[in-house]
Amino acid sequence: MLKLLAIGDSHIPRRTKEIPSHIYDKLETLTEKNLFEYTFFTGDVINAPKFLDFLNLKTKRDLFIVLGNMDYYGGNRNAPIYQKLEIPIKENDSLAIGLTHGTQISPRGDHTQLELLASERNYHVLISGHTHHEEVFLSENGTLLLNPGSVTGAWSFVASGNPSFLTLTLEESNSNIDIDLYVLNKKNNRFEERSFYLLYKNNTIHNRY
């Protein structure tokens, strides 16, 4: 079993000053027993070394980061536009997870464009940001589009305004994919959680229920 974290769009210090303490606390709780195997950061870090150090401590293997359009103002200018991870699933099969910020998608967050990008780059799962609108979307063709939203709830044209992130749990033995979406309600400082249950089969992703 592999546990992954998708998070990003912190926009520190231009649109917000710091990561909410409740985000730190929740990630601490989620990694009490097991660290995240991999972390995917959707870009627009700008300048958040403390938080990146924290994520590195909570990640067993690799922290993948991509370049966001606002990262030209910070210390993340040399990050790639795309990252890809192949995870072995059962025998002679693998799940391809792609990561990009999403600046190249117009209109921003458009499902058709994101799915086309995933197809062109051979991703089964595409994690992107830029919109600051958290989302779990499974296309009719079996491509999984994930957007963890903004970890600080930073402003954008279509943002929810609430800090959020996603976790994925992959069962290599049966190809199950469980996703949990965590959204911090700023009004009461409580997390709202939604879960999604999927299956990777025949080179596509399906709903389990």
N, C-alpha and C. Protein backbone atom coordinates (compact mmCIF):
# COMPACT_ATOMS: atom_id res chain seq x y z
N MET A 1 0.84 -1.20 0.00
CA MET A 1 0.00 0.00 0.00
C MET A 1 0.88 1.25 0.00
N LEU A 2 0.57 2.16 -0.89
CA LEU A 2 1.30 3.42 -0.99
C LEU A 2 0.37 4.58 -0.67
N LYS A 3 0.87 5.52 0.12
CA LYS A 3 0.10 6.71 0.46
C LYS A 3 0.78 7.93 -0.15
N LEU A 4 0.03 8.71 -0.92
CA LEU A 4 0.56 9.86 -1.64
C LEU A 4 -0.16 11.13 -1.21
N LEU A 5 0.53 12.25 -1.35
CA LEU A 5 -0.05 13.55 -1.02
C LEU A 5 -0.01 14.44 -2.26
N ALA A 6 -1.13 15.11 -2.55
CA ALA A 6 -1.19 16.12 -3.60
C ALA A 6 -1.56 17.44 -2.95
N ILE A 7 -0.75 18.47 -3.18
CA ILE A 7 -0.91 19.73 -2.46
C ILE A 7 -0.26 20.84 -3.30
N GLY A 8 -0.57 22.08 -3.01
CA GLY A 8 0.12 23.13 -3.77
C GLY A 8 -0.52 24.50 -3.69
N ASP A 9 -0.06 25.38 -4.60
CA ASP A 9 -0.56 26.75 -4.73
C ASP A 9 -0.57 27.50 -3.40
N SER A 10 0.59 27.55 -2.76
CA SER A 10 0.67 28.23 -1.46
C SER A 10 0.70 29.75 -1.61
N HIS A 11 1.35 30.25 -2.67
CA HIS A 11 1.38 31.70 -2.96
C HIS A 11 1.89 32.55 -1.80
N ILE A 12 2.91 32.04 -1.12
CA ILE A 12 3.51 32.79 -0.01
C ILE A 12 4.71 33.58 -0.54
N PRO A 13 4.88 34.86 -0.23
CA PRO A 13 4.03 35.69 0.66
C PRO A 13 3.13 36.65 -0.10
N ARG A 14 2.92 36.44 -1.40
CA ARG A 14 2.25 37.44 -2.21
C ARG A 14 0.74 37.51 -1.96
N ARG A 15 0.10 36.36 -1.79
CA ARG A 15 -1.36 36.37 -1.56
C ARG A 15 -1.74 35.94 -0.15
N THR A 16 -0.78 35.38 0.57
CA THR A 16 -1.01 35.00 1.96
C THR A 16 0.35 34.91 2.65
N LYS A 17 0.37 34.99 3.95
CA LYS A 17 1.64 35.08 4.67
C LYS A 17 2.19 33.73 5.11
N GLU A 18 1.29 32.77 5.40
CA GLU A 18 1.78 31.51 5.95
C GLU A 18 0.79 30.38 5.72
N ILE A 19 1.26 29.16 5.92
CA ILE A 19 0.41 27.98 5.87
C ILE A 19 -0.41 27.94 7.15
N PRO A 20 -1.73 27.73 7.08
CA PRO A 20 -2.55 27.64 8.31
C PRO A 20 -2.04 26.55 9.24
N SER A 21 -2.04 26.82 10.52
CA SER A 21 -1.57 25.84 11.51
C SER A 21 -2.39 24.56 11.45
N HIS A 22 -3.67 24.67 11.10
CA HIS A 22 -4.52 23.48 11.02
C HIS A 22 -4.05 22.52 9.92
N ILE A 23 -3.45 23.06 8.86
CA ILE A 23 -2.90 22.22 7.80
C ILE A 23 -1.72 21.42 8.32
N TYR A 24 -0.81 22.09 9.02
CA TYR A 24 0.31 21.38 9.65
C TYR A 24 -0.19 20.27 10.57
N ASP A 25 -1.17 20.62 11.41
CA ASP A 25 -1.69 19.65 12.39
C ASP A 25 -2.30 18.43 11.70
N LYS A 26 -3.06 18.69 10.62
CA LYS A 26 -3.72 17.58 9.92
C LYS A 26 -2.69 16.67 9.25
N LEU A 27 -1.69 17.25 8.64
CA LEU A 27 -0.65 16.45 7.99
C LEU A 27 0.16 15.67 9.02
N GLU A 28 0.37 16.25 10.17
CA GLU A 28 1.04 15.53 11.26
C GLU A 28 0.22 14.30 11.66
N THR A 29 -1.08 14.48 11.79
CA THR A 29 -1.96 13.37 12.17
C THR A 29 -1.97 12.27 11.12
N LEU A 30 -2.01 12.67 9.85
CA LEU A 30 -2.08 11.70 8.76
C LEU A 30 -0.79 10.90 8.60
N THR A 31 0.30 11.41 9.14
CA THR A 31 1.59 10.71 8.99
C THR A 31 2.10 10.16 10.32
N GLU A 32 1.23 10.05 11.30
CA GLU A 32 1.66 9.51 12.60
C GLU A 32 2.18 8.08 12.49
N LYS A 33 1.50 7.26 11.69
CA LYS A 33 1.89 5.85 11.56
C LYS A 33 2.79 5.62 10.35
N ASN A 34 2.45 6.26 9.24
CA ASN A 34 3.23 6.07 8.02
C ASN A 34 3.38 7.39 7.28
N LEU A 35 4.59 7.64 6.79
CA LEU A 35 4.83 8.83 6.00
C LEU A 35 4.21 8.68 4.61
N PHE A 36 4.04 9.77 3.91
CA PHE A 36 3.66 9.71 2.51
C PHE A 36 4.84 9.14 1.73
N GLU A 37 4.57 8.23 0.81
CA GLU A 37 5.64 7.71 -0.03
C GLU A 37 6.14 8.80 -0.98
N TYR A 38 5.19 9.50 -1.59
CA TYR A 38 5.51 10.57 -2.53
C TYR A 38 4.60 11.76 -2.25
N THR A 39 5.12 12.96 -2.52
CA THR A 39 4.32 14.17 -2.44
C THR A 39 4.41 14.90 -3.78
N PHE A 40 3.26 15.37 -4.26
CA PHE A 40 3.17 16.10 -5.52
C PHE A 40 2.73 17.53 -5.21
N PHE A 41 3.59 18.51 -5.53
CA PHE A 41 3.29 19.91 -5.27
C PHE A 41 3.03 20.60 -6.60
N THR A 42 1.84 21.20 -6.74
CA THR A 42 1.37 21.69 -8.03
C THR A 42 1.95 23.04 -8.46
N GLY A 43 2.93 23.55 -7.73
CA GLY A 43 3.56 24.80 -8.13
C GLY A 43 2.99 26.02 -7.44
N ASP A 44 3.47 27.21 -7.87
CA ASP A 44 3.18 28.48 -7.19
C ASP A 44 3.51 28.40 -5.71
N VAL A 45 4.70 27.83 -5.46
CA VAL A 45 5.25 27.84 -4.11
C VAL A 45 5.63 29.28 -3.75
N ILE A 46 6.37 29.92 -4.63
CA ILE A 46 6.99 31.24 -4.54
C ILE A 46 8.07 31.24 -3.46
N ASN A 47 7.74 31.38 -2.19
CA ASN A 47 8.79 31.37 -1.17
C ASN A 47 8.24 30.80 0.13
N ALA A 48 8.37 29.48 0.26
CA ALA A 48 7.85 28.80 1.46
C ALA A 48 8.81 27.70 1.89
N PRO A 49 10.07 28.06 2.20
CA PRO A 49 11.07 27.03 2.54
C PRO A 49 10.70 26.22 3.78
N LYS A 50 10.09 26.85 4.77
CA LYS A 50 9.70 26.13 5.99
C LYS A 50 8.71 25.02 5.67
N PHE A 51 7.73 25.31 4.83
CA PHE A 51 6.72 24.31 4.50
C PHE A 51 7.30 23.21 3.64
N LEU A 52 8.17 23.55 2.70
CA LEU A 52 8.80 22.52 1.87
C LEU A 52 9.68 21.60 2.71
N ASP A 53 10.37 22.16 3.69
CA ASP A 53 11.16 21.33 4.60
C ASP A 53 10.25 20.39 5.38
N PHE A 54 9.11 20.90 5.82
CA PHE A 54 8.13 20.07 6.54
C PHE A 54 7.63 18.93 5.66
N LEU A 55 7.29 19.24 4.40
CA LEU A 55 6.80 18.20 3.49
C LEU A 55 7.87 17.15 3.22
N ASN A 56 9.11 17.57 3.12
CA ASN A 56 10.20 16.61 2.93
C ASN A 56 10.31 15.65 4.11
N LEU A 57 10.09 16.16 5.30
CA LEU A 57 10.14 15.31 6.49
C LEU A 57 8.98 14.32 6.53
N LYS A 58 7.88 14.68 5.89
CA LYS A 58 6.68 13.84 5.89
C LYS A 58 6.61 12.93 4.66
N THR A 59 7.65 12.97 3.83
CA THR A 59 7.66 12.20 2.59
C THR A 59 8.83 11.23 2.60
N LYS A 60 8.53 9.94 2.44
CA LYS A 60 9.56 8.90 2.54
C LYS A 60 10.49 8.90 1.34
N ARG A 61 9.93 9.09 0.15
CA ARG A 61 10.76 8.99 -1.05
C ARG A 61 10.97 10.36 -1.69
N ASP A 62 10.14 10.74 -2.67
CA ASP A 62 10.39 11.96 -3.43
C ASP A 62 9.29 12.99 -3.28
N LEU A 63 9.71 14.25 -3.25
CA LEU A 63 8.81 15.39 -3.31
C LEU A 63 8.93 15.97 -4.71
N PHE A 64 7.86 15.82 -5.51
CA PHE A 64 7.84 16.33 -6.88
C PHE A 64 7.23 17.74 -6.88
N ILE A 65 7.91 18.68 -7.53
CA ILE A 65 7.43 20.05 -7.63
C ILE A 65 7.51 20.49 -9.08
N VAL A 66 6.50 21.22 -9.54
CA VAL A 66 6.52 21.79 -10.89
C VAL A 66 6.48 23.31 -10.81
N LEU A 67 6.82 23.92 -11.92
CA LEU A 67 6.88 25.38 -12.01
C LEU A 67 5.48 25.97 -12.17
N GLY A 68 5.13 26.91 -11.29
CA GLY A 68 3.89 27.66 -11.43
C GLY A 68 4.15 29.00 -12.08
N ASN A 69 3.11 29.61 -12.65
CA ASN A 69 3.31 30.88 -13.34
C ASN A 69 3.78 32.01 -12.43
N MET A 70 3.50 31.90 -11.13
CA MET A 70 3.93 32.93 -10.18
C MET A 70 5.29 32.62 -9.56
N ASP A 71 5.84 31.45 -9.85
CA ASP A 71 7.12 31.07 -9.25
C ASP A 71 8.30 31.85 -9.82
N TYR A 72 8.08 32.61 -10.89
CA TYR A 72 9.13 33.47 -11.41
C TYR A 72 9.50 34.57 -10.41
N TYR A 73 8.59 34.81 -9.44
CA TYR A 73 8.85 35.83 -8.43
C TYR A 73 9.52 35.24 -7.19
N GLY A 74 9.74 33.94 -7.17
CA GLY A 74 10.28 33.30 -5.97
C GLY A 74 11.48 32.44 -6.27
N GLY A 75 11.66 31.40 -5.47
CA GLY A 75 12.85 30.59 -5.58
C GLY A 75 12.64 29.26 -6.28
N ASN A 76 11.56 29.12 -7.04
CA ASN A 76 11.22 27.84 -7.66
C ASN A 76 11.36 27.90 -9.18
N ARG A 77 12.16 28.85 -9.68
CA ARG A 77 12.22 29.10 -11.12
C ARG A 77 12.78 27.94 -11.92
N ASN A 78 13.56 27.10 -11.31
CA ASN A 78 14.21 26.01 -12.04
C ASN A 78 13.42 24.71 -12.02
N ALA A 79 12.25 24.71 -11.44
CA ALA A 79 11.43 23.50 -11.41
C ALA A 79 10.92 23.17 -12.82
N PRO A 80 10.73 21.89 -13.13
CA PRO A 80 10.23 21.51 -14.46
C PRO A 80 8.74 21.84 -14.60
N ILE A 81 8.28 21.84 -15.84
CA ILE A 81 6.85 22.09 -16.11
C ILE A 81 6.05 20.81 -15.88
N TYR A 82 6.67 19.66 -16.14
CA TYR A 82 6.01 18.37 -15.97
C TYR A 82 6.86 17.45 -15.10
N GLN A 83 6.18 16.61 -14.33
CA GLN A 83 6.83 15.51 -13.62
C GLN A 83 5.97 14.27 -13.84
N LYS A 84 6.62 13.10 -13.81
CA LYS A 84 5.90 11.84 -14.03
C LYS A 84 6.44 10.76 -13.12
N LEU A 85 5.52 9.98 -12.57
CA LEU A 85 5.89 8.84 -11.73
C LEU A 85 5.14 7.61 -12.21
N GLU A 86 5.88 6.54 -12.45
CA GLU A 86 5.29 5.24 -12.82
C GLU A 86 5.31 4.35 -11.59
N ILE A 87 4.14 3.88 -11.18
CA ILE A 87 4.03 3.03 -10.01
C ILE A 87 3.63 1.62 -10.45
N PRO A 88 4.44 0.60 -10.16
CA PRO A 88 4.09 -0.78 -10.54
C PRO A 88 2.79 -1.21 -9.86
N ILE A 89 1.89 -1.77 -10.66
CA ILE A 89 0.61 -2.29 -10.16
C ILE A 89 0.48 -3.72 -10.66
N LYS A 90 0.42 -4.67 -9.73
CA LYS A 90 0.37 -6.08 -10.10
C LYS A 90 1.56 -6.45 -10.98
N GLU A 91 1.45 -7.52 -11.73
CA GLU A 91 2.54 -7.97 -12.57
C GLU A 91 2.48 -7.32 -13.95
N ASN A 92 3.62 -6.81 -14.39
CA ASN A 92 3.75 -6.26 -15.75
C ASN A 92 2.76 -5.14 -16.04
N ASP A 93 2.41 -4.36 -15.06
CA ASP A 93 1.50 -3.24 -15.26
C ASP A 93 1.97 -2.09 -14.39
N SER A 94 1.62 -0.87 -14.76
CA SER A 94 1.99 0.28 -13.96
C SER A 94 0.98 1.40 -14.13
N LEU A 95 0.90 2.25 -13.13
CA LEU A 95 0.01 3.41 -13.12
C LEU A 95 0.87 4.65 -13.30
N ALA A 96 0.56 5.46 -14.31
CA ALA A 96 1.34 6.66 -14.60
C ALA A 96 0.64 7.89 -14.02
N ILE A 97 1.34 8.57 -13.11
CA ILE A 97 0.81 9.78 -12.50
C ILE A 97 1.61 10.97 -13.02
N GLY A 98 0.92 11.93 -13.61
CA GLY A 98 1.57 13.14 -14.12
C GLY A 98 1.25 14.33 -13.25
N LEU A 99 2.16 15.29 -13.26
CA LEU A 99 2.01 16.50 -12.46
C LEU A 99 2.38 17.71 -13.30
N THR A 100 1.52 18.73 -13.29
CA THR A 100 1.82 20.01 -13.93
C THR A 100 1.03 21.09 -13.22
N HIS A 101 1.45 22.34 -13.40
CA HIS A 101 0.73 23.42 -12.71
C HIS A 101 -0.63 23.67 -13.36
N GLY A 102 -0.66 23.72 -14.68
CA GLY A 102 -1.92 23.93 -15.39
C GLY A 102 -2.04 25.28 -16.07
N THR A 103 -0.96 26.07 -16.09
CA THR A 103 -1.01 27.38 -16.73
C THR A 103 -1.31 27.27 -18.21
N GLN A 104 -0.90 26.17 -18.84
CA GLN A 104 -1.07 26.00 -20.28
C GLN A 104 -2.49 25.65 -20.68
N ILE A 105 -3.37 25.42 -19.71
CA ILE A 105 -4.76 25.04 -20.00
C ILE A 105 -5.64 26.28 -20.08
N SER A 106 -6.36 26.43 -21.20
CA SER A 106 -7.25 27.57 -21.39
C SER A 106 -8.57 27.11 -22.01
N PRO A 107 -9.70 27.42 -21.34
CA PRO A 107 -9.80 28.13 -20.06
C PRO A 107 -9.23 27.29 -18.91
N ARG A 108 -8.78 27.96 -17.87
CA ARG A 108 -8.08 27.27 -16.78
C ARG A 108 -8.97 26.19 -16.16
N GLY A 109 -8.38 25.02 -15.92
CA GLY A 109 -9.11 23.91 -15.32
C GLY A 109 -10.02 23.16 -16.26
N ASP A 110 -9.99 23.47 -17.56
CA ASP A 110 -10.90 22.83 -18.51
C ASP A 110 -10.63 21.32 -18.59
N HIS A 111 -11.66 20.53 -18.35
CA HIS A 111 -11.51 19.07 -18.30
C HIS A 111 -11.06 18.49 -19.63
N THR A 112 -11.62 18.98 -20.72
CA THR A 112 -11.28 18.45 -22.04
C THR A 112 -9.81 18.66 -22.35
N GLN A 113 -9.31 19.86 -22.06
CA GLN A 113 -7.90 20.17 -22.31
C GLN A 113 -6.97 19.37 -21.40
N LEU A 114 -7.38 19.22 -20.14
CA LEU A 114 -6.57 18.44 -19.20
C LEU A 114 -6.51 16.97 -19.62
N GLU A 115 -7.65 16.44 -20.06
CA GLU A 115 -7.68 15.04 -20.49
C GLU A 115 -6.83 14.86 -21.75
N LEU A 116 -6.87 15.81 -22.66
CA LEU A 116 -6.04 15.74 -23.87
C LEU A 116 -4.56 15.75 -23.51
N LEU A 117 -4.20 16.62 -22.57
CA LEU A 117 -2.81 16.68 -22.11
C LEU A 117 -2.38 15.35 -21.50
N ALA A 118 -3.25 14.77 -20.66
CA ALA A 118 -2.94 13.49 -20.03
C ALA A 118 -2.75 12.40 -21.09
N SER A 119 -3.60 12.41 -22.12
CA SER A 119 -3.50 11.42 -23.18
C SER A 119 -2.21 11.58 -23.97
N GLU A 120 -1.84 12.81 -24.29
CA GLU A 120 -0.63 13.08 -25.06
C GLU A 120 0.62 12.64 -24.32
N ARG A 121 0.58 12.74 -22.99
CA ARG A 121 1.77 12.43 -22.19
C ARG A 121 1.67 11.07 -21.51
N ASN A 122 0.62 10.31 -21.85
CA ASN A 122 0.43 8.94 -21.35
C ASN A 122 0.32 8.89 -19.82
N TYR A 123 -0.50 9.79 -19.26
CA TYR A 123 -0.80 9.77 -17.83
C TYR A 123 -2.15 9.10 -17.61
N HIS A 124 -2.25 8.22 -16.64
CA HIS A 124 -3.55 7.71 -16.20
C HIS A 124 -4.19 8.69 -15.20
N VAL A 125 -3.34 9.32 -14.42
CA VAL A 125 -3.77 10.31 -13.43
C VAL A 125 -3.00 11.60 -13.71
N LEU A 126 -3.73 12.72 -13.78
CA LEU A 126 -3.07 14.02 -13.95
C LEU A 126 -3.42 14.90 -12.75
N ILE A 127 -2.39 15.32 -12.03
CA ILE A 127 -2.55 16.24 -10.91
C ILE A 127 -2.15 17.63 -11.38
N SER A 128 -3.04 18.59 -11.22
CA SER A 128 -2.74 19.96 -11.63
C SER A 128 -3.30 20.94 -10.61
N GLY A 129 -2.89 22.19 -10.75
CA GLY A 129 -3.35 23.23 -9.82
C GLY A 129 -3.85 24.44 -10.58
N HIS A 130 -3.36 25.63 -10.22
CA HIS A 130 -3.60 26.89 -10.91
C HIS A 130 -4.98 27.49 -10.64
N THR A 131 -6.02 26.68 -10.58
CA THR A 131 -7.37 27.22 -10.38
C THR A 131 -7.66 27.54 -8.92
N HIS A 132 -6.98 26.84 -8.00
CA HIS A 132 -7.23 26.92 -6.55
C HIS A 132 -8.61 26.36 -6.20
N HIS A 133 -9.18 25.62 -7.13
CA HIS A 133 -10.49 24.99 -6.92
C HIS A 133 -10.28 23.49 -6.81
N GLU A 134 -10.49 22.95 -5.61
CA GLU A 134 -10.24 21.52 -5.36
C GLU A 134 -11.24 20.67 -6.13
N GLU A 135 -10.74 19.55 -6.69
CA GLU A 135 -11.61 18.76 -7.56
C GLU A 135 -11.06 17.35 -7.76
N VAL A 136 -11.99 16.38 -7.81
CA VAL A 136 -11.70 15.01 -8.21
C VAL A 136 -12.65 14.69 -9.35
N PHE A 137 -12.11 14.45 -10.55
CA PHE A 137 -12.95 14.26 -11.73
C PHE A 137 -12.46 13.07 -12.52
N LEU A 138 -13.35 12.12 -12.77
CA LEU A 138 -13.04 10.95 -13.59
C LEU A 138 -13.73 11.12 -14.95
N SER A 139 -12.95 11.17 -16.01
CA SER A 139 -13.52 11.37 -17.34
C SER A 139 -14.19 10.11 -17.85
N GLU A 140 -15.00 10.26 -18.88
CA GLU A 140 -15.69 9.11 -19.47
C GLU A 140 -14.70 8.09 -20.04
N ASN A 141 -13.53 8.56 -20.41
CA ASN A 141 -12.51 7.67 -20.99
C ASN A 141 -11.60 7.06 -19.93
N GLY A 142 -11.88 7.33 -18.66
CA GLY A 142 -11.13 6.68 -17.59
C GLY A 142 -9.84 7.36 -17.21
N THR A 143 -9.74 8.66 -17.45
CA THR A 143 -8.60 9.46 -17.00
C THR A 143 -9.00 10.18 -15.72
N LEU A 144 -8.16 10.10 -14.71
CA LEU A 144 -8.45 10.73 -13.42
C LEU A 144 -7.75 12.08 -13.34
N LEU A 145 -8.54 13.14 -13.18
CA LEU A 145 -8.03 14.51 -13.08
C LEU A 145 -8.18 14.98 -11.64
N LEU A 146 -7.06 15.35 -11.03
CA LEU A 146 -7.06 15.75 -9.63
C LEU A 146 -6.53 17.17 -9.49
N ASN A 147 -7.21 17.96 -8.67
CA ASN A 147 -6.72 19.30 -8.32
C ASN A 147 -6.86 19.45 -6.82
N PRO A 148 -5.75 19.55 -6.09
CA PRO A 148 -5.84 19.66 -4.63
C PRO A 148 -6.29 21.01 -4.12
N GLY A 149 -6.47 21.99 -5.03
CA GLY A 149 -6.82 23.33 -4.60
C GLY A 149 -5.60 24.05 -4.05
N SER A 150 -5.83 25.08 -3.26
CA SER A 150 -4.74 25.85 -2.66
C SER A 150 -4.61 25.50 -1.19
N VAL A 151 -3.40 25.18 -0.75
CA VAL A 151 -3.16 24.79 0.64
C VAL A 151 -3.37 25.96 1.60
N THR A 152 -3.36 27.17 1.07
CA THR A 152 -3.62 28.35 1.91
C THR A 152 -4.97 28.98 1.66
N GLY A 153 -5.72 28.46 0.68
CA GLY A 153 -6.98 29.08 0.31
C GLY A 153 -6.77 30.39 -0.42
N ALA A 154 -5.66 30.49 -1.14
CA ALA A 154 -5.31 31.73 -1.83
C ALA A 154 -6.35 32.09 -2.89
N TRP A 155 -6.46 33.38 -3.13
CA TRP A 155 -7.45 33.89 -4.08
C TRP A 155 -7.14 33.46 -5.51
N SER A 156 -8.21 33.18 -6.27
CA SER A 156 -8.16 33.11 -7.73
C SER A 156 -9.57 33.34 -8.24
N PHE A 157 -9.72 33.37 -9.57
CA PHE A 157 -11.03 33.69 -10.15
C PHE A 157 -12.11 32.66 -9.81
N VAL A 158 -11.70 31.40 -9.62
CA VAL A 158 -12.68 30.34 -9.37
C VAL A 158 -12.40 29.60 -8.07
N ALA A 159 -11.61 30.21 -7.18
CA ALA A 159 -11.21 29.53 -5.95
C ALA A 159 -12.37 29.38 -4.98
N SER A 160 -12.28 28.33 -4.16
CA SER A 160 -13.25 28.15 -3.09
C SER A 160 -12.94 29.07 -1.92
N GLY A 161 -11.66 29.46 -1.79
CA GLY A 161 -11.26 30.32 -0.68
C GLY A 161 -10.89 29.56 0.58
N ASN A 162 -11.06 28.24 0.56
CA ASN A 162 -10.73 27.41 1.72
C ASN A 162 -9.47 26.58 1.43
N PRO A 163 -8.54 26.50 2.39
CA PRO A 163 -7.36 25.66 2.21
C PRO A 163 -7.74 24.19 2.00
N SER A 164 -7.00 23.49 1.15
CA SER A 164 -7.36 22.10 0.84
C SER A 164 -6.15 21.32 0.34
N PHE A 165 -6.29 20.00 0.36
CA PHE A 165 -5.29 19.10 -0.22
C PHE A 165 -5.94 17.73 -0.41
N LEU A 166 -5.23 16.84 -1.11
CA LEU A 166 -5.72 15.49 -1.41
C LEU A 166 -4.71 14.44 -0.97
N THR A 167 -5.21 13.28 -0.55
CA THR A 167 -4.35 12.12 -0.35
C THR A 167 -4.86 10.98 -1.22
N LEU A 168 -3.93 10.15 -1.68
CA LEU A 168 -4.26 8.97 -2.46
C LEU A 168 -3.65 7.75 -1.78
N THR A 169 -4.42 6.68 -1.71
CA THR A 169 -3.91 5.41 -1.21
C THR A 169 -4.03 4.38 -2.32
N LEU A 170 -2.90 3.80 -2.71
CA LEU A 170 -2.87 2.82 -3.80
C LEU A 170 -2.57 1.44 -3.25
N GLU A 171 -3.42 0.49 -3.61
CA GLU A 171 -3.20 -0.91 -3.25
C GLU A 171 -2.63 -1.63 -4.47
N GLU A 172 -1.33 -1.89 -4.43
CA GLU A 172 -0.71 -2.52 -5.60
C GLU A 172 -1.27 -3.90 -5.89
N SER A 173 -1.73 -4.61 -4.86
CA SER A 173 -2.17 -5.99 -5.03
C SER A 173 -3.50 -6.10 -5.78
N ASN A 174 -4.40 -5.13 -5.60
CA ASN A 174 -5.72 -5.22 -6.24
C ASN A 174 -6.07 -4.00 -7.10
N SER A 175 -5.13 -3.05 -7.22
CA SER A 175 -5.29 -1.87 -8.08
C SER A 175 -6.36 -0.90 -7.59
N ASN A 176 -6.72 -0.98 -6.34
CA ASN A 176 -7.67 -0.01 -5.78
C ASN A 176 -6.99 1.34 -5.55
N ILE A 177 -7.73 2.40 -5.81
CA ILE A 177 -7.26 3.76 -5.56
C ILE A 177 -8.29 4.46 -4.69
N ASP A 178 -7.91 4.83 -3.48
CA ASP A 178 -8.79 5.56 -2.57
C ASP A 178 -8.28 6.99 -2.45
N ILE A 179 -9.18 7.94 -2.61
CA ILE A 179 -8.81 9.35 -2.56
C ILE A 179 -9.60 10.04 -1.46
N ASP A 180 -8.91 10.84 -0.67
CA ASP A 180 -9.56 11.64 0.36
C ASP A 180 -9.25 13.11 0.11
N LEU A 181 -10.30 13.91 0.04
CA LEU A 181 -10.19 15.35 -0.16
C LEU A 181 -10.46 16.03 1.18
N TYR A 182 -9.50 16.87 1.59
CA TYR A 182 -9.61 17.58 2.86
C TYR A 182 -9.74 19.08 2.59
N VAL A 183 -10.82 19.67 3.06
CA VAL A 183 -11.06 21.10 2.88
C VAL A 183 -11.25 21.74 4.26
N LEU A 184 -10.43 22.74 4.57
CA LEU A 184 -10.50 23.41 5.85
C LEU A 184 -11.50 24.56 5.77
N ASN A 185 -12.60 24.42 6.48
CA ASN A 185 -13.62 25.47 6.51
C ASN A 185 -13.11 26.63 7.37
N LYS A 186 -12.88 27.77 6.75
CA LYS A 186 -12.32 28.91 7.47
C LYS A 186 -13.25 29.47 8.54
N LYS A 187 -14.54 29.21 8.38
CA LYS A 187 -15.50 29.76 9.34
C LYS A 187 -15.42 29.09 10.70
N ASN A 188 -15.17 27.78 10.71
CA ASN A 188 -15.14 27.06 11.99
C ASN A 188 -13.82 26.33 12.23
N ASN A 189 -12.86 26.47 11.27
CA ASN A 189 -11.55 25.80 11.38
C ASN A 189 -11.67 24.30 11.55
N ARG A 190 -12.65 23.71 10.87
CA ARG A 190 -12.82 22.26 10.85
C ARG A 190 -12.68 21.74 9.44
N PHE A 191 -12.15 20.53 9.35
CA PHE A 191 -11.96 19.91 8.03
C PHE A 191 -13.23 19.21 7.58
N GLU A 192 -13.59 19.45 6.34
CA GLU A 192 -14.64 18.70 5.67
C GLU A 192 -13.95 17.68 4.77
N GLU A 193 -14.37 16.43 4.84
CA GLU A 193 -13.69 15.37 4.12
C GLU A 193 -14.65 14.66 3.16
N ARG A 194 -14.14 14.36 1.97
CA ARG A 194 -14.88 13.57 1.00
C ARG A 194 -13.98 12.45 0.50
N SER A 195 -14.56 11.28 0.30
CA SER A 195 -13.78 10.12 -0.14
C SER A 195 -14.29 9.61 -1.49
N PHE A 196 -13.36 9.09 -2.28
CA PHE A 196 -13.67 8.56 -3.61
C PHE A 196 -12.97 7.22 -3.74
N TYR A 197 -13.67 6.25 -4.34
CA TYR A 197 -13.15 4.89 -4.42
C TYR A 197 -13.10 4.45 -5.88
N LEU A 198 -11.88 4.20 -6.36
CA LEU A 198 -11.69 3.89 -7.77
C LEU A 198 -10.87 2.62 -7.96
N LEU A 199 -10.79 2.17 -9.21
CA LEU A 199 -10.07 0.95 -9.56
C LEU A 199 -9.34 1.17 -10.87
N TYR A 200 -8.07 0.79 -10.91
CA TYR A 200 -7.30 0.85 -12.13
C TYR A 200 -7.34 -0.53 -12.80
N LYS A 201 -7.91 -0.58 -14.01
CA LYS A 201 -8.07 -1.87 -14.70
C LYS A 201 -8.07 -1.64 -16.21
N ASN A 202 -7.37 -2.51 -16.93
CA ASN A 202 -7.31 -2.44 -18.39
C ASN A 202 -6.87 -1.07 -18.89
N ASN A 203 -5.87 -0.52 -18.20
CA ASN A 203 -5.24 0.73 -18.61
C ASN A 203 -6.12 1.96 -18.44
N THR A 204 -7.23 1.83 -17.70
CA THR A 204 -8.10 2.97 -17.41
C THR A 204 -8.53 2.91 -15.95
N ILE A 205 -9.13 3.99 -15.50
CA ILE A 205 -9.57 4.08 -14.12
C ILE A 205 -11.10 4.09 -14.09
N HIS A 206 -11.66 3.34 -13.13
CA HIS A 206 -13.11 3.18 -13.02
C HIS A 206 -13.56 3.48 -11.59
N ASN A 207 -14.82 3.89 -11.45
CA ASN A 207 -15.41 3.99 -10.11
C ASN A 207 -15.65 2.59 -9.56
N ARG A 208 -15.33 2.38 -8.28
CA ARG A 208 -15.59 1.09 -7.66
C ARG A 208 -17.04 0.99 -7.18
N TYR A 209 -17.63 2.07 -6.79
CA TYR A 209 -19.01 2.05 -6.28
C TYR A 209 -19.87 3.01 -7.09
